[in-house]
Amino acid sequence: MDINEIIKTTNRFLIDEIEVEPQGMQPQADLREDLGIDSLDFVDIVVLVERYFGFKLKAEEMGQVKTLEDFYRFIDCKLNP
């Protein structure tokens, strides 16, 4: 899966499943501060990443992910090592 597919898929599930506002979906957006993603949302994101991308996400790995762009790159690194 290339980075454009990762971005499209990630944005879709964040908007549809986590109910993030579409206008906030900018690469530099902070997941917590700008997008309003809280700890309960992160639990859902773990499940969604496994469903859409096929790998298990560990909660401690998400500690290094701050922005939406960080999240895209994190997924890309897992899928395309």
PDB file of N, CA and C in Angstrom:
ATOM      1  N   MET A   1       0.854  -1.175   0.000  1.00  0.00           N
ATOM      2  CA  MET A   1       0.000   0.000   0.000  1.00  0.00           C
ATOM      3  C   MET A   1       0.900   1.237   0.000  1.00  0.00           C
ATOM      4  N   ASP A   2       0.624   2.168  -0.897  1.00  0.00           N
ATOM      5  CA  ASP A   2       1.455   3.372  -0.948  1.00  0.00           C
ATOM      6  C   ASP A   2       0.933   4.441   0.012  1.00  0.00           C
ATOM      7  N   ILE A   3       1.713   5.485   0.198  1.00  0.00           N
ATOM      8  CA  ILE A   3       1.393   6.517   1.188  1.00  0.00           C
ATOM      9  C   ILE A   3       0.068   7.214   0.887  1.00  0.00           C
ATOM     10  N   ASN A   4      -0.273   7.396  -0.384  1.00  0.00           N
ATOM     11  CA  ASN A   4      -1.542   8.049  -0.720  1.00  0.00           C
ATOM     12  C   ASN A   4      -2.735   7.201  -0.302  1.00  0.00           C
ATOM     13  N   GLU A   5      -2.622   5.892  -0.467  1.00  0.00           N
ATOM     14  CA  GLU A   5      -3.684   4.989  -0.016  1.00  0.00           C
ATOM     15  C   GLU A   5      -3.782   4.986   1.505  1.00  0.00           C
ATOM     16  N   ILE A   6      -2.640   5.036   2.161  1.00  0.00           N
ATOM     17  CA  ILE A   6      -2.619   5.088   3.625  1.00  0.00           C
ATOM     18  C   ILE A   6      -3.319   6.353   4.113  1.00  0.00           C
ATOM     19  N   ILE A   7      -2.997   7.479   3.510  1.00  0.00           N
ATOM     20  CA  ILE A   7      -3.617   8.751   3.901  1.00  0.00           C
ATOM     21  C   ILE A   7      -5.119   8.704   3.672  1.00  0.00           C
ATOM     22  N   LYS A   8      -5.526   8.249   2.519  1.00  0.00           N
ATOM     23  CA  LYS A   8      -6.962   8.182   2.180  1.00  0.00           C
ATOM     24  C   LYS A   8      -7.712   7.266   3.153  1.00  0.00           C
ATOM     25  N   THR A   9      -7.165   6.091   3.413  1.00  0.00           N
ATOM     26  CA  THR A   9      -7.809   5.130   4.312  1.00  0.00           C
ATOM     27  C   THR A   9      -7.861   5.659   5.740  1.00  0.00           C
ATOM     28  N   THR A  10      -6.746   6.210   6.198  1.00  0.00           N
ATOM     29  CA  THR A  10      -6.683   6.749   7.558  1.00  0.00           C
ATOM     30  C   THR A  10      -7.672   7.893   7.734  1.00  0.00           C
ATOM     31  N   ASN A  11      -7.688   8.819   6.796  1.00  0.00           N
ATOM     32  CA  ASN A  11      -8.623   9.941   6.888  1.00  0.00           C
ATOM     33  C   ASN A  11     -10.066   9.451   6.908  1.00  0.00           C
ATOM     34  N   ARG A  12     -10.353   8.471   6.065  1.00  0.00           N
ATOM     35  CA  ARG A  12     -11.726   7.956   5.989  1.00  0.00           C
ATOM     36  C   ARG A  12     -12.162   7.369   7.326  1.00  0.00           C
ATOM     37  N   PHE A  13     -11.316   6.521   7.942  1.00  0.00           N
ATOM     38  CA  PHE A  13     -11.782   5.923   9.196  1.00  0.00           C
ATOM     39  C   PHE A  13     -11.771   6.919  10.347  1.00  0.00           C
ATOM     40  N   LEU A  14     -10.878   7.903  10.327  1.00  0.00           N
ATOM     41  CA  LEU A  14     -10.915   8.917  11.382  1.00  0.00           C
ATOM     42  C   LEU A  14     -12.180   9.768  11.283  1.00  0.00           C
ATOM     43  N   ILE A  15     -12.577  10.095  10.074  1.00  0.00           N
ATOM     44  CA  ILE A  15     -13.792  10.896   9.878  1.00  0.00           C
ATOM     45  C   ILE A  15     -15.039  10.069  10.149  1.00  0.00           C
ATOM     46  N   ASP A  16     -15.106   8.868   9.572  1.00  0.00           N
ATOM     47  CA  ASP A  16     -16.317   8.046   9.677  1.00  0.00           C
ATOM     48  C   ASP A  16     -16.483   7.356  11.025  1.00  0.00           C
ATOM     49  N   GLU A  17     -15.411   6.839  11.576  1.00  0.00           N
ATOM     50  CA  GLU A  17     -15.506   6.021  12.787  1.00  0.00           C
ATOM     51  C   GLU A  17     -15.213   6.802  14.072  1.00  0.00           C
ATOM     52  N   ILE A  18     -14.259   7.716  14.012  1.00  0.00           N
ATOM     53  CA  ILE A  18     -13.861   8.477  15.202  1.00  0.00           C
ATOM     54  C   ILE A  18     -14.576   9.835  15.234  1.00  0.00           C
ATOM     55  N   GLU A  19     -15.193  10.187  14.122  1.00  0.00           N
ATOM     56  CA  GLU A  19     -15.971  11.429  13.985  1.00  0.00           C
ATOM     57  C   GLU A  19     -15.123  12.685  14.104  1.00  0.00           C
ATOM     58  N   VAL A  20     -13.938  12.626  13.501  1.00  0.00           N
ATOM     59  CA  VAL A  20     -13.079  13.800  13.404  1.00  0.00           C
ATOM     60  C   VAL A  20     -13.662  14.707  12.327  1.00  0.00           C
ATOM     61  N   GLU A  21     -13.630  16.007  12.564  1.00  0.00           N
ATOM     62  CA  GLU A  21     -14.142  16.961  11.585  1.00  0.00           C
ATOM     63  C   GLU A  21     -13.244  16.981  10.344  1.00  0.00           C
ATOM     64  N   PRO A  22     -13.818  16.815   9.151  1.00  0.00           N
ATOM     65  CA  PRO A  22     -13.017  16.752   7.920  1.00  0.00           C
ATOM     66  C   PRO A  22     -12.121  17.970   7.698  1.00  0.00           C
ATOM     67  N   GLN A  23     -12.581  19.154   8.071  1.00  0.00           N
ATOM     68  CA  GLN A  23     -11.781  20.354   7.837  1.00  0.00           C
ATOM     69  C   GLN A  23     -10.517  20.387   8.687  1.00  0.00           C
ATOM     70  N   GLY A  24     -10.458  19.579   9.730  1.00  0.00           N
ATOM     71  CA  GLY A  24      -9.273  19.535  10.583  1.00  0.00           C
ATOM     72  C   GLY A  24      -8.200  18.570  10.103  1.00  0.00           C
ATOM     73  N   MET A  25      -8.478  17.851   9.038  1.00  0.00           N
ATOM     74  CA  MET A  25      -7.584  16.802   8.572  1.00  0.00           C
ATOM     75  C   MET A  25      -6.414  17.374   7.777  1.00  0.00           C
ATOM     76  N   GLN A  26      -5.508  18.025   8.488  1.00  0.00           N
ATOM     77  CA  GLN A  26      -4.293  18.581   7.905  1.00  0.00           C
ATOM     78  C   GLN A  26      -3.107  17.790   8.444  1.00  0.00           C
ATOM     79  N   PRO A  27      -2.096  17.532   7.630  1.00  0.00           N
ATOM     80  CA  PRO A  27      -0.964  16.723   8.092  1.00  0.00           C
ATOM     81  C   PRO A  27      -0.328  17.214   9.394  1.00  0.00           C
ATOM     82  N   GLN A  28      -0.279  18.515   9.599  1.00  0.00           N
ATOM     83  CA  GLN A  28       0.358  19.061  10.797  1.00  0.00           C
ATOM     84  C   GLN A  28      -0.574  19.084  12.014  1.00  0.00           C
ATOM     85  N   ALA A  29      -1.818  18.645  11.856  1.00  0.00           N
ATOM     86  CA  ALA A  29      -2.781  18.664  12.959  1.00  0.00           C
ATOM     87  C   ALA A  29      -2.346  17.728  14.081  1.00  0.00           C
ATOM     88  N   ASP A  30      -2.362  18.248  15.298  1.00  0.00           N
ATOM     89  CA  ASP A  30      -2.063  17.446  16.475  1.00  0.00           C
ATOM     90  C   ASP A  30      -3.270  16.554  16.762  1.00  0.00           C
ATOM     91  N   LEU A  31      -3.020  15.260  16.946  1.00  0.00           N
ATOM     92  CA  LEU A  31      -4.128  14.318  17.133  1.00  0.00           C
ATOM     93  C   LEU A  31      -4.994  14.670  18.334  1.00  0.00           C
ATOM     94  N   ARG A  32      -4.371  15.048  19.428  1.00  0.00           N
ATOM     95  CA  ARG A  32      -5.137  15.355  20.638  1.00  0.00           C
ATOM     96  C   ARG A  32      -5.676  16.780  20.630  1.00  0.00           C
ATOM     97  N   GLU A  33      -4.781  17.731  20.430  1.00  0.00           N
ATOM     98  CA  GLU A  33      -5.152  19.145  20.543  1.00  0.00           C
ATOM     99  C   GLU A  33      -6.066  19.626  19.413  1.00  0.00           C
ATOM    100  N   ASP A  34      -5.697  19.322  18.176  1.00  0.00           N
ATOM    101  CA  ASP A  34      -6.434  19.844  17.030  1.00  0.00           C
ATOM    102  C   ASP A  34      -7.607  18.960  16.608  1.00  0.00           C
ATOM    103  N   LEU A  35      -7.421  17.647  16.702  1.00  0.00           N
ATOM    104  CA  LEU A  35      -8.460  16.730  16.230  1.00  0.00           C
ATOM    105  C   LEU A  35      -9.345  16.205  17.355  1.00  0.00           C
ATOM    106  N   GLY A  36      -8.960  16.451  18.590  1.00  0.00           N
ATOM    107  CA  GLY A  36      -9.789  16.065  19.728  1.00  0.00           C
ATOM    108  C   GLY A  36      -9.832  14.566  19.995  1.00  0.00           C
ATOM    109  N   ILE A  37      -8.803  13.853  19.569  1.00  0.00           N
ATOM    110  CA  ILE A  37      -8.756  12.417  19.789  1.00  0.00           C
ATOM    111  C   ILE A  37      -8.297  12.171  21.225  1.00  0.00           C
ATOM    112  N   ASP A  38      -9.123  11.440  21.978  1.00  0.00           N
ATOM    113  CA  ASP A  38      -8.790  11.173  23.379  1.00  0.00           C
ATOM    114  C   ASP A  38      -8.375   9.716  23.572  1.00  0.00           C
ATOM    115  N   SER A  39      -8.106   9.337  24.804  1.00  0.00           N
ATOM    116  CA  SER A  39      -7.595   7.991  25.080  1.00  0.00           C
ATOM    117  C   SER A  39      -8.590   6.903  24.671  1.00  0.00           C
ATOM    118  N   LEU A  40      -9.871   7.159  24.807  1.00  0.00           N
ATOM    119  CA  LEU A  40     -10.866   6.172  24.374  1.00  0.00           C
ATOM    120  C   LEU A  40     -10.867   6.030  22.854  1.00  0.00           C
ATOM    121  N   ASP A  41     -10.676   7.132  22.167  1.00  0.00           N
ATOM    122  CA  ASP A  41     -10.581   7.078  20.703  1.00  0.00           C
ATOM    123  C   ASP A  41      -9.368   6.260  20.270  1.00  0.00           C
ATOM    124  N   PHE A  42      -8.263   6.381  21.003  1.00  0.00           N
ATOM    125  CA  PHE A  42      -7.062   5.621  20.656  1.00  0.00           C
ATOM    126  C   PHE A  42      -7.305   4.117  20.761  1.00  0.00           C
ATOM    127  N   VAL A  43      -8.147   3.704  21.704  1.00  0.00           N
ATOM    128  CA  VAL A  43      -8.504   2.289  21.807  1.00  0.00           C
ATOM    129  C   VAL A  43      -9.217   1.859  20.527  1.00  0.00           C
ATOM    130  N   ASP A  44     -10.143   2.671  20.052  1.00  0.00           N
ATOM    131  CA  ASP A  44     -10.844   2.376  18.805  1.00  0.00           C
ATOM    132  C   ASP A  44      -9.886   2.383  17.615  1.00  0.00           C
ATOM    133  N   ILE A  45      -8.947   3.306  17.620  1.00  0.00           N
ATOM    134  CA  ILE A  45      -7.976   3.405  16.524  1.00  0.00           C
ATOM    135  C   ILE A  45      -7.136   2.133  16.428  1.00  0.00           C
ATOM    136  N   VAL A  46      -6.779   1.550  17.560  1.00  0.00           N
ATOM    137  CA  VAL A  46      -6.018   0.288  17.551  1.00  0.00           C
ATOM    138  C   VAL A  46      -6.792  -0.779  16.777  1.00  0.00           C
ATOM    139  N   VAL A  47      -8.086  -0.877  17.040  1.00  0.00           N
ATOM    140  CA  VAL A  47      -8.939  -1.858  16.361  1.00  0.00           C
ATOM    141  C   VAL A  47      -9.057  -1.522  14.875  1.00  0.00           C
ATOM    142  N   LEU A  48      -9.223  -0.253  14.557  1.00  0.00           N
ATOM    143  CA  LEU A  48      -9.375   0.168  13.162  1.00  0.00           C
ATOM    144  C   LEU A  48      -8.102  -0.058  12.356  1.00  0.00           C
ATOM    145  N   VAL A  49      -6.955   0.192  12.947  1.00  0.00           N
ATOM    146  CA  VAL A  49      -5.685  -0.045  12.253  1.00  0.00           C
ATOM    147  C   VAL A  49      -5.559  -1.532  11.913  1.00  0.00           C
ATOM    148  N   GLU A  50      -5.922  -2.379  12.855  1.00  0.00           N
ATOM    149  CA  GLU A  50      -5.849  -3.816  12.581  1.00  0.00           C
ATOM    150  C   GLU A  50      -6.822  -4.200  11.468  1.00  0.00           C
ATOM    151  N   ARG A  51      -8.010  -3.645  11.500  1.00  0.00           N
ATOM    152  CA  ARG A  51      -9.021  -3.972  10.482  1.00  0.00           C
ATOM    153  C   ARG A  51      -8.596  -3.489   9.093  1.00  0.00           C
ATOM    154  N   TYR A  52      -8.156  -2.241   8.994  1.00  0.00           N
ATOM    155  CA  TYR A  52      -7.863  -1.654   7.683  1.00  0.00           C
ATOM    156  C   TYR A  52      -6.463  -1.949   7.156  1.00  0.00           C
ATOM    157  N   PHE A  53      -5.503  -2.140   8.078  1.00  0.00           N
ATOM    158  CA  PHE A  53      -4.126  -2.301   7.638  1.00  0.00           C
ATOM    159  C   PHE A  53      -3.523  -3.663   7.965  1.00  0.00           C
ATOM    160  N   GLY A  54      -4.207  -4.451   8.797  1.00  0.00           N
ATOM    161  CA  GLY A  54      -3.792  -5.820   9.029  1.00  0.00           C
ATOM    162  C   GLY A  54      -2.625  -6.044   9.970  1.00  0.00           C
ATOM    163  N   PHE A  55      -2.316  -5.073  10.822  1.00  0.00           N
ATOM    164  CA  PHE A  55      -1.282  -5.311  11.832  1.00  0.00           C
ATOM    165  C   PHE A  55      -1.776  -4.815  13.183  1.00  0.00           C
ATOM    166  N   LYS A  56      -1.242  -5.437  14.223  1.00  0.00           N
ATOM    167  CA  LYS A  56      -1.618  -5.058  15.583  1.00  0.00           C
ATOM    168  C   LYS A  56      -0.779  -3.868  16.033  1.00  0.00           C
ATOM    169  N   LEU A  57      -1.463  -2.920  16.571  1.00  0.00           N
ATOM    170  CA  LEU A  57      -0.845  -1.696  17.055  1.00  0.00           C
ATOM    171  C   LEU A  57      -0.751  -1.772  18.570  1.00  0.00           C
ATOM    172  N   LYS A  58       0.420  -1.521  19.106  1.00  0.00           N
ATOM    173  CA  LYS A  58       0.603  -1.517  20.555  1.00  0.00           C
ATOM    174  C   LYS A  58       0.438  -0.096  21.064  1.00  0.00           C
ATOM    175  N   ALA A  59      -0.246   0.038  22.184  1.00  0.00           N
ATOM    176  CA  ALA A  59      -0.527   1.360  22.739  1.00  0.00           C
ATOM    177  C   ALA A  59       0.743   2.177  22.948  1.00  0.00           C
ATOM    178  N   GLU A  60       1.807   1.539  23.412  1.00  0.00           N
ATOM    179  CA  GLU A  60       3.048   2.277  23.675  1.00  0.00           C
ATOM    180  C   GLU A  60       3.665   2.830  22.396  1.00  0.00           C
ATOM    181  N   GLU A  61       3.384   2.204  21.258  1.00  0.00           N
ATOM    182  CA  GLU A  61       3.905   2.708  19.986  1.00  0.00           C
ATOM    183  C   GLU A  61       3.250   4.034  19.611  1.00  0.00           C
ATOM    184  N   MET A  62       2.025   4.221  20.017  1.00  0.00           N
ATOM    185  CA  MET A  62       1.309   5.454  19.693  1.00  0.00           C
ATOM    186  C   MET A  62       1.828   6.646  20.487  1.00  0.00           C
ATOM    187  N   GLY A  63       2.609   6.410  21.522  1.00  0.00           N
ATOM    188  CA  GLY A  63       3.155   7.502  22.313  1.00  0.00           C
ATOM    189  C   GLY A  63       4.044   8.432  21.517  1.00  0.00           C
ATOM    190  N   GLN A  64       4.678   7.928  20.484  1.00  0.00           N
ATOM    191  CA  GLN A  64       5.569   8.732  19.656  1.00  0.00           C
ATOM    192  C   GLN A  64       4.831   9.461  18.527  1.00  0.00           C
ATOM    193  N   VAL A  65       3.567   9.160  18.353  1.00  0.00           N
ATOM    194  CA  VAL A  65       2.774   9.748  17.267  1.00  0.00           C
ATOM    195  C   VAL A  65       2.028  10.970  17.804  1.00  0.00           C
ATOM    196  N   LYS A  66       2.382  12.141  17.288  1.00  0.00           N
ATOM    197  CA  LYS A  66       1.767  13.386  17.774  1.00  0.00           C
ATOM    198  C   LYS A  66       0.832  14.014  16.734  1.00  0.00           C
ATOM    199  N   THR A  67       1.270  14.034  15.486  1.00  0.00           N
ATOM    200  CA  THR A  67       0.482  14.689  14.441  1.00  0.00           C
ATOM    201  C   THR A  67      -0.110  13.662  13.485  1.00  0.00           C
ATOM    202  N   LEU A  68      -1.003  14.121  12.664  1.00  0.00           N
ATOM    203  CA  LEU A  68      -1.599  13.255  11.656  1.00  0.00           C
ATOM    204  C   LEU A  68      -0.522  12.740  10.697  1.00  0.00           C
ATOM    205  N   GLU A  69       0.408  13.589  10.338  1.00  0.00           N
ATOM    206  CA  GLU A  69       1.500  13.157   9.464  1.00  0.00           C
ATOM    207  C   GLU A  69       2.355  12.077  10.141  1.00  0.00           C
ATOM    208  N   ASP A  70       2.609  12.223  11.437  1.00  0.00           N
ATOM    209  CA  ASP A  70       3.325  11.183  12.181  1.00  0.00           C
ATOM    210  C   ASP A  70       2.582   9.854  12.076  1.00  0.00           C
ATOM    211  N   PHE A  71       1.265   9.918  12.182  1.00  0.00           N
ATOM    212  CA  PHE A  71       0.435   8.714  12.125  1.00  0.00           C
ATOM    213  C   PHE A  71       0.532   8.057  10.749  1.00  0.00           C
ATOM    214  N   TYR A  72       0.446   8.871   9.680  1.00  0.00           N
ATOM    215  CA  TYR A  72       0.584   8.326   8.324  1.00  0.00           C
ATOM    216  C   TYR A  72       1.944   7.633   8.171  1.00  0.00           C
ATOM    217  N   ARG A  73       2.990   8.300   8.605  1.00  0.00           N
ATOM    218  CA  ARG A  73       4.350   7.754   8.462  1.00  0.00           C
ATOM    219  C   ARG A  73       4.543   6.496   9.301  1.00  0.00           C
ATOM    220  N   PHE A  74       3.958   6.495  10.483  1.00  0.00           N
ATOM    221  CA  PHE A  74       4.031   5.324  11.343  1.00  0.00           C
ATOM    222  C   PHE A  74       3.420   4.111  10.642  1.00  0.00           C
ATOM    223  N   ILE A  75       2.238   4.288  10.095  1.00  0.00           N
ATOM    224  CA  ILE A  75       1.560   3.198   9.383  1.00  0.00           C
ATOM    225  C   ILE A  75       2.384   2.785   8.165  1.00  0.00           C
ATOM    226  N   ASP A  76       2.889   3.751   7.437  1.00  0.00           N
ATOM    227  CA  ASP A  76       3.704   3.462   6.262  1.00  0.00           C
ATOM    228  C   ASP A  76       4.926   2.623   6.647  1.00  0.00           C
ATOM    229  N   CYS A  77       5.592   2.982   7.729  1.00  0.00           N
ATOM    230  CA  CYS A  77       6.775   2.225   8.169  1.00  0.00           C
ATOM    231  C   CYS A  77       6.422   0.798   8.570  1.00  0.00           C
ATOM    232  N   LYS A  78       5.258   0.597   9.147  1.00  0.00           N
ATOM    233  CA  LYS A  78       4.825  -0.745   9.512  1.00  0.00           C
ATOM    234  C   LYS A  78       4.486  -1.588   8.289  1.00  0.00           C
ATOM    235  N   LEU A  79       3.855  -0.963   7.299  1.00  0.00           N
ATOM    236  CA  LEU A  79       3.433  -1.696   6.104  1.00  0.00           C
ATOM    237  C   LEU A  79       4.552  -1.874   5.091  1.00  0.00           C
ATOM    238  N   ASN A  80       5.474  -0.921   5.066  1.00  0.00           N
ATOM    239  CA  ASN A  80       6.540  -0.915   4.061  1.00  0.00           C
ATOM    240  C   ASN A  80       7.897  -0.747   4.742  1.00  0.00           C
ATOM    241  N   PRO A  81       8.317  -1.774   5.506  1.00  0.00           N
ATOM    242  CA  PRO A  81       9.571  -1.633   6.272  1.00  0.00           C
ATOM    243  C   PRO A  81      10.809  -1.506   5.390  1.00  0.00           C
TER     244      PRO A  81
END
